[in-house]
Protein backbone atom coordinates (compact mmCIF):
# COMPACT_ATOMS: atom_id res chain seq x y z
CA MET A 1 15.18 -22.14 -4.94
CA ILE A 2 13.29 -19.01 -4.02
CA ARG A 3 10.80 -19.80 -1.01
CA ILE A 4 7.75 -17.59 -1.48
CA LEU A 5 4.82 -16.78 1.18
CA ILE A 6 1.83 -15.18 -0.55
CA VAL A 7 -0.61 -12.95 1.69
CA ASP A 8 -4.01 -11.76 0.48
CA ASP A 9 -7.39 -11.97 1.73
CA HIS A 10 -8.70 -13.18 -1.88
CA LEU A 11 -8.58 -16.65 -2.58
CA ILE A 12 -8.56 -16.25 -6.20
CA ILE A 13 -5.45 -14.24 -6.25
CA ARG A 14 -3.53 -16.79 -3.98
CA GLU A 15 -4.64 -19.30 -6.65
CA GLY A 16 -3.50 -17.25 -9.42
CA VAL A 17 0.10 -16.63 -7.77
CA ALA A 18 0.37 -20.40 -7.09
CA ALA A 19 -0.59 -21.27 -10.75
CA ILE A 20 2.12 -18.72 -12.15
CA LEU A 21 4.61 -20.37 -9.75
CA GLU A 22 3.91 -23.92 -10.48
CA ASN A 23 5.97 -24.33 -13.56
CA GLU A 24 8.96 -22.02 -12.17
CA GLU A 25 12.05 -24.33 -11.42
CA ASP A 26 13.87 -21.62 -9.22
CA MET A 27 10.52 -20.77 -6.91
CA ALA A 28 8.58 -22.53 -4.69
CA LEU A 29 5.11 -21.17 -3.03
CA ILE A 30 5.71 -22.59 0.75
CA GLY A 31 2.65 -20.87 2.38
CA GLU A 32 -0.22 -18.84 1.93
CA ALA A 33 -2.12 -16.71 4.51
CA ALA A 34 -5.44 -14.36 4.55
CA ASP A 35 -4.56 -11.45 6.45
CA GLY A 36 -1.79 -9.53 8.29
CA MET A 37 -1.75 -11.43 11.47
CA GLU A 38 -1.59 -14.69 9.72
CA ALA A 39 0.86 -13.34 7.46
CA VAL A 40 3.42 -12.49 10.66
CA GLU A 41 2.66 -15.86 12.22
CA GLN A 42 3.43 -17.46 8.80
CA PHE A 43 6.63 -15.78 8.46
CA ARG A 44 7.71 -16.80 11.82
CA ALA A 45 7.14 -20.29 11.02
CA LEU A 46 8.32 -20.72 7.71
CA ARG A 47 11.02 -17.93 7.11
CA PRO A 48 10.39 -17.33 3.42
CA ASP A 49 12.69 -15.91 0.81
CA VAL A 50 10.02 -13.29 -0.20
CA ILE A 51 6.57 -12.22 0.85
CA LEU A 52 4.25 -11.22 -1.43
CA MET A 53 2.18 -8.88 0.65
CA ASP A 54 -1.29 -7.44 -0.09
CA ILE A 55 -2.01 -4.03 1.54
CA GLN A 56 -5.74 -3.86 2.08
CA MET A 57 -6.84 -6.68 4.33
CA PRO A 58 -9.08 -7.04 7.24
CA GLY A 59 -7.46 -6.76 10.93
CA LEU A 60 -3.84 -6.18 10.68
CA ASN A 61 -3.30 -4.73 7.43
CA GLY A 62 -0.21 -5.16 4.81
CA LEU A 63 1.46 -2.14 6.04
CA GLN A 64 1.02 -2.90 9.72
CA ALA A 65 2.41 -6.52 8.88
CA ILE A 66 5.01 -5.00 6.82
CA ALA A 67 6.14 -2.82 9.89
CA THR A 68 5.88 -5.83 12.33
CA ILE A 69 8.04 -8.38 10.26
CA MET A 70 10.52 -5.74 9.41
CA ALA A 71 11.15 -4.85 12.94
CA GLU A 72 11.42 -8.45 13.96
CA ALA A 73 13.76 -9.44 10.77
CA PRO A 74 15.39 -6.34 8.93
CA ALA A 75 16.49 -8.46 6.21
CA ALA A 76 13.07 -9.99 5.22
CA LYS A 77 11.99 -9.29 1.52
CA ILE A 78 8.41 -8.23 1.06
CA LEU A 79 6.86 -7.29 -2.47
CA VAL A 80 3.58 -5.51 -2.25
CA LEU A 81 0.82 -6.54 -4.37
CA THR A 82 -2.01 -3.91 -4.59
CA THR A 83 -4.59 -2.92 -6.70
CA TYR A 84 -3.77 0.73 -5.49
CA PRO A 85 -1.38 2.64 -7.97
CA GLY A 86 -1.25 5.66 -5.69
CA ASP A 87 2.38 7.19 -5.19
CA ASN A 88 1.13 7.87 -1.34
CA GLN A 89 0.43 3.96 -0.62
CA ALA A 90 3.67 3.24 -2.43
CA SER A 91 5.75 5.40 -0.16
CA ARG A 92 4.34 4.43 3.10
CA ALA A 93 4.84 0.66 1.95
CA LEU A 94 8.36 1.42 0.99
CA ALA A 95 9.18 3.51 3.91
CA ALA A 96 7.83 0.58 6.40
CA GLY A 97 10.42 -1.69 4.55
CA ALA A 98 9.01 -3.41 1.51
CA SER A 99 11.34 -4.23 -1.15
CA GLY A 100 9.01 -3.81 -4.01
CA TYR A 101 5.69 -2.54 -4.98
CA MET A 102 3.62 -3.99 -7.94
CA LEU A 103 -0.02 -3.90 -9.41
CA LYS A 104 -1.91 -6.70 -9.45
CA SER A 105 -2.80 -6.03 -12.99
CA SER A 106 0.71 -6.64 -13.77
CA LEU A 107 0.96 -10.14 -12.25
CA ARG A 108 1.34 -12.21 -15.26
CA LYS A 109 3.63 -9.86 -17.13
CA ASP A 110 5.92 -8.72 -14.15
CA MET A 111 5.67 -10.75 -11.23
CA LEU A 112 8.40 -13.38 -12.00
CA GLU A 113 10.81 -10.81 -12.82
CA ALA A 114 9.94 -8.80 -9.78
CA ILE A 115 10.21 -11.68 -7.36
CA ARG A 116 13.87 -12.45 -8.87
CA LYS A 117 14.68 -9.02 -8.50
CA VAL A 118 13.58 -8.72 -4.51
CA ALA A 119 15.20 -11.92 -3.91
CA GLY A 120 18.56 -10.59 -5.24
CA GLY A 121 18.42 -7.78 -3.05
CA ALA A 122 17.22 -5.22 -5.56
CA THR A 123 14.20 -2.89 -5.25
CA TYR A 124 11.19 -3.27 -7.54
CA VAL A 125 8.47 -0.47 -8.13
CA ASP A 126 5.88 -0.77 -10.85
CA PRO A 127 6.99 1.81 -13.61
CA ASP A 128 3.74 3.70 -13.50
CA VAL A 129 3.89 3.99 -9.85
CA ALA A 130 7.67 4.89 -9.88
CA GLN A 131 6.87 7.72 -12.37
CA ASP A 132 4.13 8.95 -9.99
CA LEU A 133 6.73 8.66 -7.05
CA ALA A 134 8.97 10.77 -9.03
CA SER A 135 6.69 13.37 -10.01
CA HIS A 136 5.46 14.26 -6.41
CA ILE A 137 8.94 13.53 -4.73
CA ALA A 138 8.97 17.39 -3.86
CA ASP A 139 5.49 17.63 -2.53
CA ARG A 140 4.61 18.42 0.90
CA PRO A 141 2.95 15.44 2.61
CA LEU A 142 -0.74 16.05 4.14
CA GLY A 143 -1.01 16.15 7.78
CA ASP A 144 -3.10 13.89 9.93
CA ARG A 145 -5.68 16.54 10.27
CA GLU A 146 -6.08 17.40 6.54
CA ILE A 147 -6.31 13.79 5.74
CA ALA A 148 -9.20 13.32 8.44
CA VAL A 149 -10.96 16.11 7.11
CA LEU A 150 -10.51 15.18 3.59
CA SER A 151 -11.84 11.48 4.54
CA LEU A 152 -14.99 12.95 5.81
CA VAL A 153 -15.59 15.41 3.02
CA ALA A 154 -15.29 12.31 0.63
CA ARG A 155 -18.13 10.75 2.57
CA GLY A 156 -20.25 13.74 1.54
CA GLN A 157 -20.07 15.86 4.75
CA SER A 158 -20.56 19.40 5.01
CA ASN A 159 -17.96 21.56 6.65
CA LYS A 160 -20.36 21.94 9.64
CA GLU A 161 -20.48 18.40 9.86
CA VAL A 162 -16.88 17.61 9.58
CA ALA A 163 -16.33 20.06 12.70
CA GLY A 164 -18.78 18.48 14.57
CA GLY A 165 -17.40 14.83 13.95
CA LEU A 166 -13.67 16.14 14.67
CA GLY A 167 -14.46 18.56 17.54
CA ILE A 168 -12.97 21.53 15.97
CA SER A 169 -14.64 25.03 14.37
CA GLU A 170 -15.80 25.36 10.68
CA GLU A 171 -13.23 28.22 10.60
CA THR A 172 -10.33 25.38 11.29
CA VAL A 173 -11.99 23.01 8.95
CA LYS A 174 -11.64 25.40 6.11
CA ALA A 175 -8.11 26.27 7.06
CA HIS A 176 -7.32 22.26 6.89
CA LEU A 177 -9.05 22.44 3.42
CA LYS A 178 -7.32 25.51 2.14
CA SER A 179 -3.77 23.64 3.25
CA ALA A 180 -5.01 20.80 1.69
CA PHE A 181 -5.62 22.29 -1.78
CA ALA A 182 -2.27 24.02 -2.07
CA LYS A 183 -0.54 20.60 -1.17
CA LEU A 184 -2.60 18.75 -3.65
CA LYS A 185 -2.58 21.71 -6.24
CA VAL A 186 -6.19 21.47 -6.72
CA ALA A 187 -8.88 24.50 -6.25
CA ASP A 188 -12.28 22.79 -4.80
CA ARG A 189 -13.23 20.00 -2.45
CA THR A 190 -14.29 17.56 -5.38
CA HIS A 191 -10.59 17.73 -6.88
CA ALA A 192 -8.90 17.41 -3.45
CA VAL A 193 -10.90 14.35 -2.72
CA THR A 194 -10.36 12.88 -6.25
CA GLN A 195 -6.64 13.26 -5.96
CA ALA A 196 -6.44 12.33 -2.53
CA ILE A 197 -8.04 8.91 -3.17
CA LYS A 198 -6.10 8.47 -6.53
CA ARG A 199 -2.80 9.11 -4.76
CA GLY A 200 -4.03 6.45 -1.60
CA MET A 201 -3.94 9.19 0.87
CA ILE A 202 -7.63 8.42 1.74
CA GLU A 203 -9.83 5.41 1.58
CA ILE A 204 -13.82 5.53 0.96
């Protein structure tokens, strides 16, 4: 029997997962959590075989919860469920210790297979996400300052406003943007922001 903990701040997702698991003879939903902190507490209390973990949650987010749980129990098996297909988000989740990464849009089609794979010690990554990961594997990652600059640009701020917000010069902002353009293989601010959001590097 695979004992499962579902972690998601949306009740409708938790109910959907419960409905899918209901008729599976080899699986049992033993607990639910609505945020990262509750996930850690439930993990400690229940010690599930597999945790289904959302990424975007209030308070302690999914990545932080994964890191906390893996620090306490390196053998824990965590399958990320997310609406975000970006390769950067997937890379961060897998680096934090997740055993799998799947999209909520594939819940009905792929979730049971993914759970069984992760429970058996294998890794499961959504095929589309895996393709993105492979295509960007040689890319240089954005630095913290480049991400900070792009995040402010995504909110519609000018170079001058970004400079004031970060306490740096406009020339430094331009240098960070130029570096980000090169890493993202784009030529302007709009495409840089679009690509960074798509790949899960920044949020708006």
